[in-house]
Amino acid sequence: MAEKVIFALIIVALVVLYLTMRGSLEAPDPKRLPTETSIHAVIEGSGRKCDNVDSFRRLATENDWVYYLARCHDGGRYVYSQNSNEGKFDVMSCAEEEARGYTCPD
């Protein structure tokens, strides 16, 4: 009986450890290459709506900033940018970018 309790506690501890590590690995980090999950977190964290980032592609690099076009499953399109040297990231919708004079590619 004690062996089953110990086994169950080990399983619970491993699940908690896995969830903790997974959360930290998926958190946005401008010093790492972006992923769909990290870009989605930045979009949602900025108060914008995106159900899920389906894909993204690199657009350009300028003054240590790397720009990506992110496409959401619901049709939203965003320009995600990050600067590894400064440890910063930003996101703007394509509509916001168009108002500033930049047209997102198709």
PDB file of N, CA and C in Angstrom:
ATOM      1  N   MET A   1       0.832  -1.201   0.000  1.00  0.00           N
ATOM      2  CA  MET A   1       0.000   0.000   0.000  1.00  0.00           C
ATOM      3  C   MET A   1       0.874   1.262   0.000  1.00  0.00           C
ATOM      4  N   ALA A   2       1.901   1.281   0.822  1.00  0.00           N
ATOM      5  CA  ALA A   2       2.793   2.439   0.888  1.00  0.00           C
ATOM      6  C   ALA A   2       3.481   2.661  -0.459  1.00  0.00           C
ATOM      7  N   GLU A   3       3.774   1.568  -1.169  1.00  0.00           N
ATOM      8  CA  GLU A   3       4.431   1.688  -2.465  1.00  0.00           C
ATOM      9  C   GLU A   3       3.520   2.398  -3.475  1.00  0.00           C
ATOM     10  N   LYS A   4       2.221   2.115  -3.420  1.00  0.00           N
ATOM     11  CA  LYS A   4       1.278   2.759  -4.330  1.00  0.00           C
ATOM     12  C   LYS A   4       1.167   4.250  -4.046  1.00  0.00           C
ATOM     13  N   VAL A   5       1.180   4.609  -2.772  1.00  0.00           N
ATOM     14  CA  VAL A   5       1.110   6.025  -2.385  1.00  0.00           C
ATOM     15  C   VAL A   5       2.359   6.745  -2.860  1.00  0.00           C
ATOM     16  N   ILE A   6       3.518   6.142  -2.658  1.00  0.00           N
ATOM     17  CA  ILE A   6       4.777   6.755  -3.090  1.00  0.00           C
ATOM     18  C   ILE A   6       4.787   6.908  -4.615  1.00  0.00           C
ATOM     19  N   PHE A   7       4.346   5.878  -5.322  1.00  0.00           N
ATOM     20  CA  PHE A   7       4.282   5.928  -6.782  1.00  0.00           C
ATOM     21  C   PHE A   7       3.346   7.044  -7.244  1.00  0.00           C
ATOM     22  N   ALA A   8       2.213   7.185  -6.614  1.00  0.00           N
ATOM     23  CA  ALA A   8       1.249   8.229  -6.963  1.00  0.00           C
ATOM     24  C   ALA A   8       1.842   9.612  -6.700  1.00  0.00           C
ATOM     25  N   LEU A   9       2.543   9.790  -5.603  1.00  0.00           N
ATOM     26  CA  LEU A   9       3.172  11.082  -5.294  1.00  0.00           C
ATOM     27  C   LEU A   9       4.262  11.423  -6.306  1.00  0.00           C
ATOM     28  N   ILE A  10       5.004  10.418  -6.722  1.00  0.00           N
ATOM     29  CA  ILE A  10       6.041  10.651  -7.731  1.00  0.00           C
ATOM     30  C   ILE A  10       5.402  11.096  -9.044  1.00  0.00           C
ATOM     31  N   ILE A  11       4.320  10.442  -9.434  1.00  0.00           N
ATOM     32  CA  ILE A  11       3.619  10.813 -10.670  1.00  0.00           C
ATOM     33  C   ILE A  11       3.110  12.252 -10.580  1.00  0.00           C
ATOM     34  N   VAL A  12       2.508  12.614  -9.460  1.00  0.00           N
ATOM     35  CA  VAL A  12       2.002  13.979  -9.280  1.00  0.00           C
ATOM     36  C   VAL A  12       3.148  14.978  -9.352  1.00  0.00           C
ATOM     37  N   ALA A  13       4.267  14.682  -8.713  1.00  0.00           N
ATOM     38  CA  ALA A  13       5.423  15.578  -8.731  1.00  0.00           C
ATOM     39  C   ALA A  13       5.966  15.743 -10.148  1.00  0.00           C
ATOM     40  N   LEU A  14       6.009  14.671 -10.919  1.00  0.00           N
ATOM     41  CA  LEU A  14       6.494  14.752 -12.299  1.00  0.00           C
ATOM     42  C   LEU A  14       5.563  15.581 -13.176  1.00  0.00           C
ATOM     43  N   VAL A  15       4.267  15.440 -12.985  1.00  0.00           N
ATOM     44  CA  VAL A  15       3.299  16.223 -13.758  1.00  0.00           C
ATOM     45  C   VAL A  15       3.442  17.710 -13.429  1.00  0.00           C
ATOM     46  N   VAL A  16       3.564  18.039 -12.163  1.00  0.00           N
ATOM     47  CA  VAL A  16       3.727  19.440 -11.754  1.00  0.00           C
ATOM     48  C   VAL A  16       5.036  20.003 -12.314  1.00  0.00           C
ATOM     49  N   LEU A  17       6.099  19.241 -12.248  1.00  0.00           N
ATOM     50  CA  LEU A  17       7.386  19.676 -12.791  1.00  0.00           C
ATOM     51  C   LEU A  17       7.292  19.907 -14.295  1.00  0.00           C
ATOM     52  N   TYR A  18       6.657  18.986 -15.002  1.00  0.00           N
ATOM     53  CA  TYR A  18       6.486  19.115 -16.448  1.00  0.00           C
ATOM     54  C   TYR A  18       5.691  20.375 -16.793  1.00  0.00           C
ATOM     55  N   LEU A  19       4.589  20.615 -16.123  1.00  0.00           N
ATOM     56  CA  LEU A  19       3.759  21.790 -16.412  1.00  0.00           C
ATOM     57  C   LEU A  19       4.509  23.081 -16.125  1.00  0.00           C
ATOM     58  N   THR A  20       5.290  23.098 -15.066  1.00  0.00           N
ATOM     59  CA  THR A  20       6.083  24.282 -14.724  1.00  0.00           C
ATOM     60  C   THR A  20       7.140  24.544 -15.786  1.00  0.00           C
ATOM     61  N   MET A  21       7.846  23.510 -16.185  1.00  0.00           N
ATOM     62  CA  MET A  21       8.895  23.672 -17.195  1.00  0.00           C
ATOM     63  C   MET A  21       8.305  24.038 -18.548  1.00  0.00           C
ATOM     64  N   ARG A  22       7.182  23.447 -18.896  1.00  0.00           N
ATOM     65  CA  ARG A  22       6.538  23.727 -20.174  1.00  0.00           C
ATOM     66  C   ARG A  22       6.112  25.186 -20.233  1.00  0.00           C
ATOM     67  N   GLY A  23       5.551  25.688 -19.140  1.00  0.00           N
ATOM     68  CA  GLY A  23       5.133  27.088 -19.090  1.00  0.00           C
ATOM     69  C   GLY A  23       6.298  28.039 -19.264  1.00  0.00           C
ATOM     70  N   SER A  24       7.424  27.743 -18.643  1.00  0.00           N
ATOM     71  CA  SER A  24       8.574  28.632 -18.763  1.00  0.00           C
ATOM     72  C   SER A  24       9.202  28.546 -20.145  1.00  0.00           C
ATOM     73  N   LEU A  25       9.140  27.397 -20.783  1.00  0.00           N
ATOM     74  CA  LEU A  25       9.689  27.259 -22.128  1.00  0.00           C
ATOM     75  C   LEU A  25       8.814  27.947 -23.167  1.00  0.00           C
ATOM     76  N   GLU A  26       7.524  28.020 -22.933  1.00  0.00           N
ATOM     77  CA  GLU A  26       6.610  28.643 -23.884  1.00  0.00           C
ATOM     78  C   GLU A  26       6.451  30.139 -23.657  1.00  0.00           C
ATOM     79  N   ALA A  27       6.966  30.645 -22.551  1.00  0.00           N
ATOM     80  CA  ALA A  27       6.836  32.070 -22.258  1.00  0.00           C
ATOM     81  C   ALA A  27       7.642  32.878 -23.272  1.00  0.00           C
ATOM     82  N   PRO A  28       7.143  34.042 -23.657  1.00  0.00           N
ATOM     83  CA  PRO A  28       7.877  34.872 -24.615  1.00  0.00           C
ATOM     84  C   PRO A  28       9.244  35.271 -24.066  1.00  0.00           C
ATOM     85  N   ASP A  29      10.259  35.115 -24.871  1.00  0.00           N
ATOM     86  CA  ASP A  29      11.620  35.491 -24.498  1.00  0.00           C
ATOM     87  C   ASP A  29      12.281  36.093 -25.733  1.00  0.00           C
ATOM     88  N   PRO A  30      12.511  37.410 -25.736  1.00  0.00           N
ATOM     89  CA  PRO A  30      13.065  38.046 -26.921  1.00  0.00           C
ATOM     90  C   PRO A  30      14.498  37.609 -27.238  1.00  0.00           C
ATOM     91  N   LYS A  31      15.116  36.878 -26.355  1.00  0.00           N
ATOM     92  CA  LYS A  31      16.479  36.407 -26.621  1.00  0.00           C
ATOM     93  C   LYS A  31      16.491  35.056 -27.331  1.00  0.00           C
ATOM     94  N   ARG A  32      15.314  34.428 -27.472  1.00  0.00           N
ATOM     95  CA  ARG A  32      15.196  33.157 -28.205  1.00  0.00           C
ATOM     96  C   ARG A  32      14.425  33.398 -29.489  1.00  0.00           C
ATOM     97  N   LEU A  33      14.556  32.467 -30.431  1.00  0.00           N
ATOM     98  CA  LEU A  33      13.755  32.552 -31.652  1.00  0.00           C
ATOM     99  C   LEU A  33      12.281  32.410 -31.290  1.00  0.00           C
ATOM    100  N   PRO A  34      11.406  33.147 -31.971  1.00  0.00           N
ATOM    101  CA  PRO A  34       9.981  33.070 -31.627  1.00  0.00           C
ATOM    102  C   PRO A  34       9.367  31.748 -32.075  1.00  0.00           C
ATOM    103  N   THR A  35       8.267  31.401 -31.430  1.00  0.00           N
ATOM    104  CA  THR A  35       7.456  30.249 -31.803  1.00  0.00           C
ATOM    105  C   THR A  35       6.018  30.740 -31.948  1.00  0.00           C
ATOM    106  N   GLU A  36       5.161  29.892 -32.507  1.00  0.00           N
ATOM    107  CA  GLU A  36       3.749  30.268 -32.613  1.00  0.00           C
ATOM    108  C   GLU A  36       3.177  30.582 -31.233  1.00  0.00           C
ATOM    109  N   THR A  37       3.561  29.780 -30.252  1.00  0.00           N
ATOM    110  CA  THR A  37       3.046  29.962 -28.890  1.00  0.00           C
ATOM    111  C   THR A  37       3.524  31.271 -28.266  1.00  0.00           C
ATOM    112  N   SER A  38       4.802  31.586 -28.426  1.00  0.00           N
ATOM    113  CA  SER A  38       5.316  32.819 -27.816  1.00  0.00           C
ATOM    114  C   SER A  38       4.747  34.056 -28.516  1.00  0.00           C
ATOM    115  N   ILE A  39       4.591  34.009 -29.836  1.00  0.00           N
ATOM    116  CA  ILE A  39       3.991  35.136 -30.551  1.00  0.00           C
ATOM    117  C   ILE A  39       2.538  35.312 -30.119  1.00  0.00           C
ATOM    118  N   HIS A  40       1.819  34.212 -29.987  1.00  0.00           N
ATOM    119  CA  HIS A  40       0.426  34.270 -29.533  1.00  0.00           C
ATOM    120  C   HIS A  40       0.336  34.918 -28.154  1.00  0.00           C
ATOM    121  N   ALA A  41       1.248  34.571 -27.258  1.00  0.00           N
ATOM    122  CA  ALA A  41       1.241  35.147 -25.911  1.00  0.00           C
ATOM    123  C   ALA A  41       1.462  36.655 -25.954  1.00  0.00           C
ATOM    124  N   VAL A  42       2.342  37.123 -26.833  1.00  0.00           N
ATOM    125  CA  VAL A  42       2.588  38.569 -26.949  1.00  0.00           C
ATOM    126  C   VAL A  42       1.361  39.273 -27.528  1.00  0.00           C
ATOM    127  N   ILE A  43       0.731  38.659 -28.533  1.00  0.00           N
ATOM    128  CA  ILE A  43      -0.483  39.255 -29.122  1.00  0.00           C
ATOM    129  C   ILE A  43      -1.574  39.368 -28.071  1.00  0.00           C
ATOM    130  N   GLU A  44      -1.848  38.288 -27.383  1.00  0.00           N
ATOM    131  CA  GLU A  44      -2.889  38.296 -26.353  1.00  0.00           C
ATOM    132  C   GLU A  44      -2.517  39.229 -25.196  1.00  0.00           C
ATOM    133  N   GLY A  45      -1.239  39.252 -24.829  1.00  0.00           N
ATOM    134  CA  GLY A  45      -0.782  40.117 -23.744  1.00  0.00           C
ATOM    135  C   GLY A  45      -0.907  41.594 -24.064  1.00  0.00           C
ATOM    136  N   SER A  46      -0.947  41.919 -25.354  1.00  0.00           N
ATOM    137  CA  SER A  46      -1.088  43.320 -25.750  1.00  0.00           C
ATOM    138  C   SER A  46      -2.556  43.750 -25.827  1.00  0.00           C
ATOM    139  N   GLY A  47      -3.465  42.801 -25.534  1.00  0.00           N
ATOM    140  CA  GLY A  47      -4.886  43.124 -25.551  1.00  0.00           C
ATOM    141  C   GLY A  47      -5.549  42.919 -26.899  1.00  0.00           C
ATOM    142  N   ARG A  48      -4.804  42.392 -27.841  1.00  0.00           N
ATOM    143  CA  ARG A  48      -5.364  42.117 -29.164  1.00  0.00           C
ATOM    144  C   ARG A  48      -5.918  40.699 -29.185  1.00  0.00           C
ATOM    145  N   LYS A  49      -6.720  40.396 -30.191  1.00  0.00           N
ATOM    146  CA  LYS A  49      -7.371  39.084 -30.270  1.00  0.00           C
ATOM    147  C   LYS A  49      -6.731  38.221 -31.352  1.00  0.00           C
ATOM    148  N   CYS A  50      -6.479  36.977 -30.988  1.00  0.00           N
ATOM    149  CA  CYS A  50      -5.953  35.976 -31.913  1.00  0.00           C
ATOM    150  C   CYS A  50      -6.261  34.628 -31.287  1.00  0.00           C
ATOM    151  N   ASP A  51      -7.035  33.805 -31.990  1.00  0.00           N
ATOM    152  CA  ASP A  51      -7.400  32.523 -31.395  1.00  0.00           C
ATOM    153  C   ASP A  51      -6.222  31.558 -31.354  1.00  0.00           C
ATOM    154  N   ASN A  52      -5.360  31.600 -32.379  1.00  0.00           N
ATOM    155  CA  ASN A  52      -4.205  30.713 -32.427  1.00  0.00           C
ATOM    156  C   ASN A  52      -3.317  31.175 -33.579  1.00  0.00           C
ATOM    157  N   VAL A  53      -2.016  31.256 -33.359  1.00  0.00           N
ATOM    158  CA  VAL A  53      -1.099  31.603 -34.443  1.00  0.00           C
ATOM    159  C   VAL A  53      -0.838  30.342 -35.252  1.00  0.00           C
ATOM    160  N   ASP A  54      -1.303  30.354 -36.502  1.00  0.00           N
ATOM    161  CA  ASP A  54      -1.115  29.195 -37.380  1.00  0.00           C
ATOM    162  C   ASP A  54       0.278  29.162 -37.989  1.00  0.00           C
ATOM    163  N   SER A  55       0.782  30.343 -38.357  1.00  0.00           N
ATOM    164  CA  SER A  55       2.096  30.392 -39.002  1.00  0.00           C
ATOM    165  C   SER A  55       2.690  31.783 -38.839  1.00  0.00           C
ATOM    166  N   PHE A  56       3.987  31.845 -39.060  1.00  0.00           N
ATOM    167  CA  PHE A  56       4.664  33.135 -39.090  1.00  0.00           C
ATOM    168  C   PHE A  56       5.868  33.004 -40.011  1.00  0.00           C
ATOM    169  N   ARG A  57       6.263  34.160 -40.569  1.00  0.00           N
ATOM    170  CA  ARG A  57       7.444  34.162 -41.427  1.00  0.00           C
ATOM    171  C   ARG A  57       8.222  35.446 -41.201  1.00  0.00           C
ATOM    172  N   ARG A  58       9.503  35.336 -41.387  1.00  0.00           N
ATOM    173  CA  ARG A  58      10.390  36.472 -41.189  1.00  0.00           C
ATOM    174  C   ARG A  58      10.208  37.470 -42.330  1.00  0.00           C
ATOM    175  N   LEU A  59      10.102  38.746 -41.960  1.00  0.00           N
ATOM    176  CA  LEU A  59       9.940  39.803 -42.955  1.00  0.00           C
ATOM    177  C   LEU A  59      11.248  40.552 -43.205  1.00  0.00           C
ATOM    178  N   ALA A  60      11.865  41.039 -42.143  1.00  0.00           N
ATOM    179  CA  ALA A  60      13.047  41.881 -42.311  1.00  0.00           C
ATOM    180  C   ALA A  60      13.795  42.021 -40.983  1.00  0.00           C
ATOM    181  N   THR A  61      14.987  42.558 -41.089  1.00  0.00           N
ATOM    182  CA  THR A  61      15.795  42.916 -39.923  1.00  0.00           C
ATOM    183  C   THR A  61      16.236  44.361 -40.109  1.00  0.00           C
ATOM    184  N   GLU A  62      16.063  45.162 -39.059  1.00  0.00           N
ATOM    185  CA  GLU A  62      16.434  46.565 -39.139  1.00  0.00           C
ATOM    186  C   GLU A  62      16.793  47.079 -37.752  1.00  0.00           C
ATOM    187  N   ASN A  63      17.989  47.637 -37.616  1.00  0.00           N
ATOM    188  CA  ASN A  63      18.456  48.210 -36.341  1.00  0.00           C
ATOM    189  C   ASN A  63      18.286  47.236 -35.171  1.00  0.00           C
ATOM    190  N   ASP A  64      18.741  46.024 -35.338  1.00  0.00           N
ATOM    191  CA  ASP A  64      18.668  44.957 -34.320  1.00  0.00           C
ATOM    192  C   ASP A  64      17.256  44.431 -34.069  1.00  0.00           C
ATOM    193  N   TRP A  65      16.259  44.931 -34.763  1.00  0.00           N
ATOM    194  CA  TRP A  65      14.891  44.424 -34.652  1.00  0.00           C
ATOM    195  C   TRP A  65      14.649  43.422 -35.776  1.00  0.00           C
ATOM    196  N   VAL A  66      14.047  42.300 -35.442  1.00  0.00           N
ATOM    197  CA  VAL A  66      13.665  41.294 -36.434  1.00  0.00           C
ATOM    198  C   VAL A  66      12.145  41.299 -36.504  1.00  0.00           C
ATOM    199  N   TYR A  67      11.602  41.415 -37.708  1.00  0.00           N
ATOM    200  CA  TYR A  67      10.165  41.528 -37.922  1.00  0.00           C
ATOM    201  C   TYR A  67       9.615  40.252 -38.557  1.00  0.00           C
ATOM    202  N   TYR A  68       8.448  39.828 -38.068  1.00  0.00           N
ATOM    203  CA  TYR A  68       7.786  38.623 -38.562  1.00  0.00           C
ATOM    204  C   TYR A  68       6.325  38.943 -38.856  1.00  0.00           C
ATOM    205  N   LEU A  69       5.781  38.295 -39.864  1.00  0.00           N
ATOM    206  CA  LEU A  69       4.348  38.372 -40.130  1.00  0.00           C
ATOM    207  C   LEU A  69       3.718  37.132 -39.516  1.00  0.00           C
ATOM    208  N   ALA A  70       2.803  37.329 -38.579  1.00  0.00           N
ATOM    209  CA  ALA A  70       2.112  36.221 -37.914  1.00  0.00           C
ATOM    210  C   ALA A  70       0.670  36.170 -38.396  1.00  0.00           C
ATOM    211  N   ARG A  71       0.216  34.969 -38.727  1.00  0.00           N
ATOM    212  CA  ARG A  71      -1.164  34.771 -39.183  1.00  0.00           C
ATOM    213  C   ARG A  71      -1.926  33.950 -38.151  1.00  0.00           C
ATOM    214  N   CYS A  72      -3.069  34.487 -37.755  1.00  0.00           N
ATOM    215  CA  CYS A  72      -3.917  33.794 -36.788  1.00  0.00           C
ATOM    216  C   CYS A  72      -4.942  32.941 -37.527  1.00  0.00           C
ATOM    217  N   HIS A  73      -5.417  31.929 -36.860  1.00  0.00           N
ATOM    218  CA  HIS A  73      -6.410  31.026 -37.448  1.00  0.00           C
ATOM    219  C   HIS A  73      -7.707  31.769 -37.773  1.00  0.00           C
ATOM    220  N   ASP A  74      -8.037  32.774 -36.956  1.00  0.00           N
ATOM    221  CA  ASP A  74      -9.266  33.533 -37.175  1.00  0.00           C
ATOM    222  C   ASP A  74      -9.129  34.606 -38.257  1.00  0.00           C
ATOM    223  N   GLY A  75      -7.977  34.656 -38.934  1.00  0.00           N
ATOM    224  CA  GLY A  75      -7.769  35.601 -40.021  1.00  0.00           C
ATOM    225  C   GLY A  75      -6.971  36.833 -39.652  1.00  0.00           C
ATOM    226  N   GLY A  76      -6.725  37.051 -38.374  1.00  0.00           N
ATOM    227  CA  GLY A  76      -5.934  38.201 -37.959  1.00  0.00           C
ATOM    228  C   GLY A  76      -4.497  38.092 -38.437  1.00  0.00           C
ATOM    229  N   ARG A  77      -3.919  39.233 -38.771  1.00  0.00           N
ATOM    230  CA  ARG A  77      -2.523  39.268 -39.200  1.00  0.00           C
ATOM    231  C   ARG A  77      -1.808  40.342 -38.397  1.00  0.00           C
ATOM    232  N   TYR A  78      -0.630  40.002 -37.913  1.00  0.00           N
ATOM    233  CA  TYR A  78       0.119  40.896 -37.040  1.00  0.00           C
ATOM    234  C   TYR A  78       1.585  40.934 -37.448  1.00  0.00           C
ATOM    235  N   VAL A  79       2.207  42.087 -37.216  1.00  0.00           N
ATOM    236  CA  VAL A  79       3.649  42.201 -37.366  1.00  0.00           C
ATOM    237  C   VAL A  79       4.219  42.102 -35.954  1.00  0.00           C
ATOM    238  N   TYR A  80       4.931  41.012 -35.719  1.00  0.00           N
ATOM    239  CA  TYR A  80       5.594  40.769 -34.439  1.00  0.00           C
ATOM    240  C   TYR A  80       7.061  41.137 -34.626  1.00  0.00           C
ATOM    241  N   SER A  81       7.624  41.841 -33.667  1.00  0.00           N
ATOM    242  CA  SER A  81       9.030  42.212 -33.755  1.00  0.00           C
ATOM    243  C   SER A  81       9.708  41.981 -32.412  1.00  0.00           C
ATOM    244  N   GLN A  82      10.991  41.655 -32.498  1.00  0.00           N
ATOM    245  CA  GLN A  82      11.760  41.462 -31.272  1.00  0.00           C
ATOM    246  C   GLN A  82      13.187  41.948 -31.470  1.00  0.00           C
ATOM    247  N   ASN A  83      13.754  42.415 -30.363  1.00  0.00           N
ATOM    248  CA  ASN A  83      15.128  42.897 -30.339  1.00  0.00           C
ATOM    249  C   ASN A  83      15.852  42.123 -29.248  1.00  0.00           C
ATOM    250  N   SER A  84      16.704  41.200 -29.645  1.00  0.00           N
ATOM    251  CA  SER A  84      17.410  40.356 -28.683  1.00  0.00           C
ATOM    252  C   SER A  84      18.409  41.148 -27.844  1.00  0.00           C
ATOM    253  N   ASN A  85      19.028  42.152 -28.437  1.00  0.00           N
ATOM    254  CA  ASN A  85      20.022  42.936 -27.706  1.00  0.00           C
ATOM    255  C   ASN A  85      19.399  43.737 -26.570  1.00  0.00           C
ATOM    256  N   GLU A  86      18.228  44.292 -26.815  1.00  0.00           N
ATOM    257  CA  GLU A  86      17.546  45.093 -25.797  1.00  0.00           C
ATOM    258  C   GLU A  86      16.576  44.273 -24.956  1.00  0.00           C
ATOM    259  N   GLY A  87      16.296  43.040 -25.387  1.00  0.00           N
ATOM    260  CA  GLY A  87      15.362  42.183 -24.649  1.00  0.00           C
ATOM    261  C   GLY A  87      13.923  42.676 -24.737  1.00  0.00           C
ATOM    262  N   LYS A  88      13.538  43.165 -25.907  1.00  0.00           N
ATOM    263  CA  LYS A  88      12.188  43.718 -26.082  1.00  0.00           C
ATOM    264  C   LYS A  88      11.473  43.024 -27.229  1.00  0.00           C
ATOM    265  N   PHE A  89      10.146  43.071 -27.187  1.00  0.00           N
ATOM    266  CA  PHE A  89       9.326  42.647 -28.310  1.00  0.00           C
ATOM    267  C   PHE A  89       8.111  43.548 -28.400  1.00  0.00           C
ATOM    268  N   ASP A  90       7.478  43.518 -29.582  1.00  0.00           N
ATOM    269  CA  ASP A  90       6.325  44.369 -29.832  1.00  0.00           C
ATOM    270  C   ASP A  90       5.439  43.670 -30.851  1.00  0.00           C
ATOM    271  N   VAL A  91       4.205  44.094 -30.934  1.00  0.00           N
ATOM    272  CA  VAL A  91       3.282  43.549 -31.934  1.00  0.00           C
ATOM    273  C   VAL A  91       2.315  44.646 -32.348  1.00  0.00           C
ATOM    274  N   MET A  92       2.030  44.673 -33.651  1.00  0.00           N
ATOM    275  CA  MET A  92       1.061  45.623 -34.200  1.00  0.00           C
ATOM    276  C   MET A  92       0.218  44.860 -35.211  1.00  0.00           C
ATOM    277  N   SER A  93      -1.053  45.173 -35.278  1.00  0.00           N
ATOM    278  CA  SER A  93      -1.895  44.543 -36.298  1.00  0.00           C
ATOM    279  C   SER A  93      -1.523  45.126 -37.654  1.00  0.00           C
ATOM    280  N   CYS A  94      -1.854  44.409 -38.703  1.00  0.00           N
ATOM    281  CA  CYS A  94      -1.582  44.921 -40.050  1.00  0.00           C
ATOM    282  C   CYS A  94      -2.364  46.207 -40.314  1.00  0.00           C
ATOM    283  N   ALA A  95      -3.555  46.335 -39.733  1.00  0.00           N
ATOM    284  CA  ALA A  95      -4.332  47.573 -39.887  1.00  0.00           C
ATOM    285  C   ALA A  95      -3.599  48.741 -39.218  1.00  0.00           C
ATOM    286  N   GLU A  96      -3.029  48.510 -38.039  1.00  0.00           N
ATOM    287  CA  GLU A  96      -2.260  49.560 -37.356  1.00  0.00           C
ATOM    288  C   GLU A  96      -1.019  49.925 -38.162  1.00  0.00           C
ATOM    289  N   GLU A  97      -0.366  48.909 -38.728  1.00  0.00           N
ATOM    290  CA  GLU A  97       0.828  49.158 -39.544  1.00  0.00           C
ATOM    291  C   GLU A  97       0.472  49.940 -40.805  1.00  0.00           C
ATOM    292  N   GLU A  98      -0.682  49.624 -41.398  1.00  0.00           N
ATOM    293  CA  GLU A  98      -1.107  50.314 -42.617  1.00  0.00           C
ATOM    294  C   GLU A  98      -1.360  51.795 -42.326  1.00  0.00           C
ATOM    295  N   ALA A  99      -1.890  52.081 -41.148  1.00  0.00           N
ATOM    296  CA  ALA A  99      -2.131  53.481 -40.766  1.00  0.00           C
ATOM    297  C   ALA A  99      -0.802  54.244 -40.636  1.00  0.00           C
ATOM    298  N   ARG A 100       0.277  53.511 -40.388  1.00  0.00           N
ATOM    299  CA  ARG A 100       1.616  54.122 -40.269  1.00  0.00           C
ATOM    300  C   ARG A 100       2.356  54.115 -41.599  1.00  0.00           C
ATOM    301  N   GLY A 101       1.711  53.573 -42.663  1.00  0.00           N
ATOM    302  CA  GLY A 101       2.329  53.612 -43.986  1.00  0.00           C
ATOM    303  C   GLY A 101       2.955  52.312 -44.452  1.00  0.00           C
ATOM    304  N   TYR A 102       2.839  51.250 -43.660  1.00  0.00           N
ATOM    305  CA  TYR A 102       3.394  49.938 -44.065  1.00  0.00           C
ATOM    306  C   TYR A 102       2.261  49.000 -44.427  1.00  0.00           C
ATOM    307  N   THR A 103       2.361  48.336 -45.547  1.00  0.00           N
ATOM    308  CA  THR A 103       1.359  47.376 -45.964  1.00  0.00           C
ATOM    309  C   THR A 103       1.913  45.964 -45.764  1.00  0.00           C
ATOM    310  N   CYS A 104       1.228  45.167 -44.980  1.00  0.00           N
ATOM    311  CA  CYS A 104       1.641  43.784 -44.735  1.00  0.00           C
ATOM    312  C   CYS A 104       1.562  42.987 -46.035  1.00  0.00           C
ATOM    313  N   PRO A 105       2.510  42.097 -46.252  1.00  0.00           N
ATOM    314  CA  PRO A 105       2.404  41.235 -47.443  1.00  0.00           C
ATOM    315  C   PRO A 105       1.287  40.205 -47.274  1.00  0.00           C
ATOM    316  N   ASP A 106       0.828  39.687 -48.399  1.00  0.00           N
ATOM    317  CA  ASP A 106      -0.228  38.670 -48.358  1.00  0.00           C
ATOM    318  C   ASP A 106       0.279  37.338 -47.965  1.00  0.00           C
TER     319      ASP A 106
END
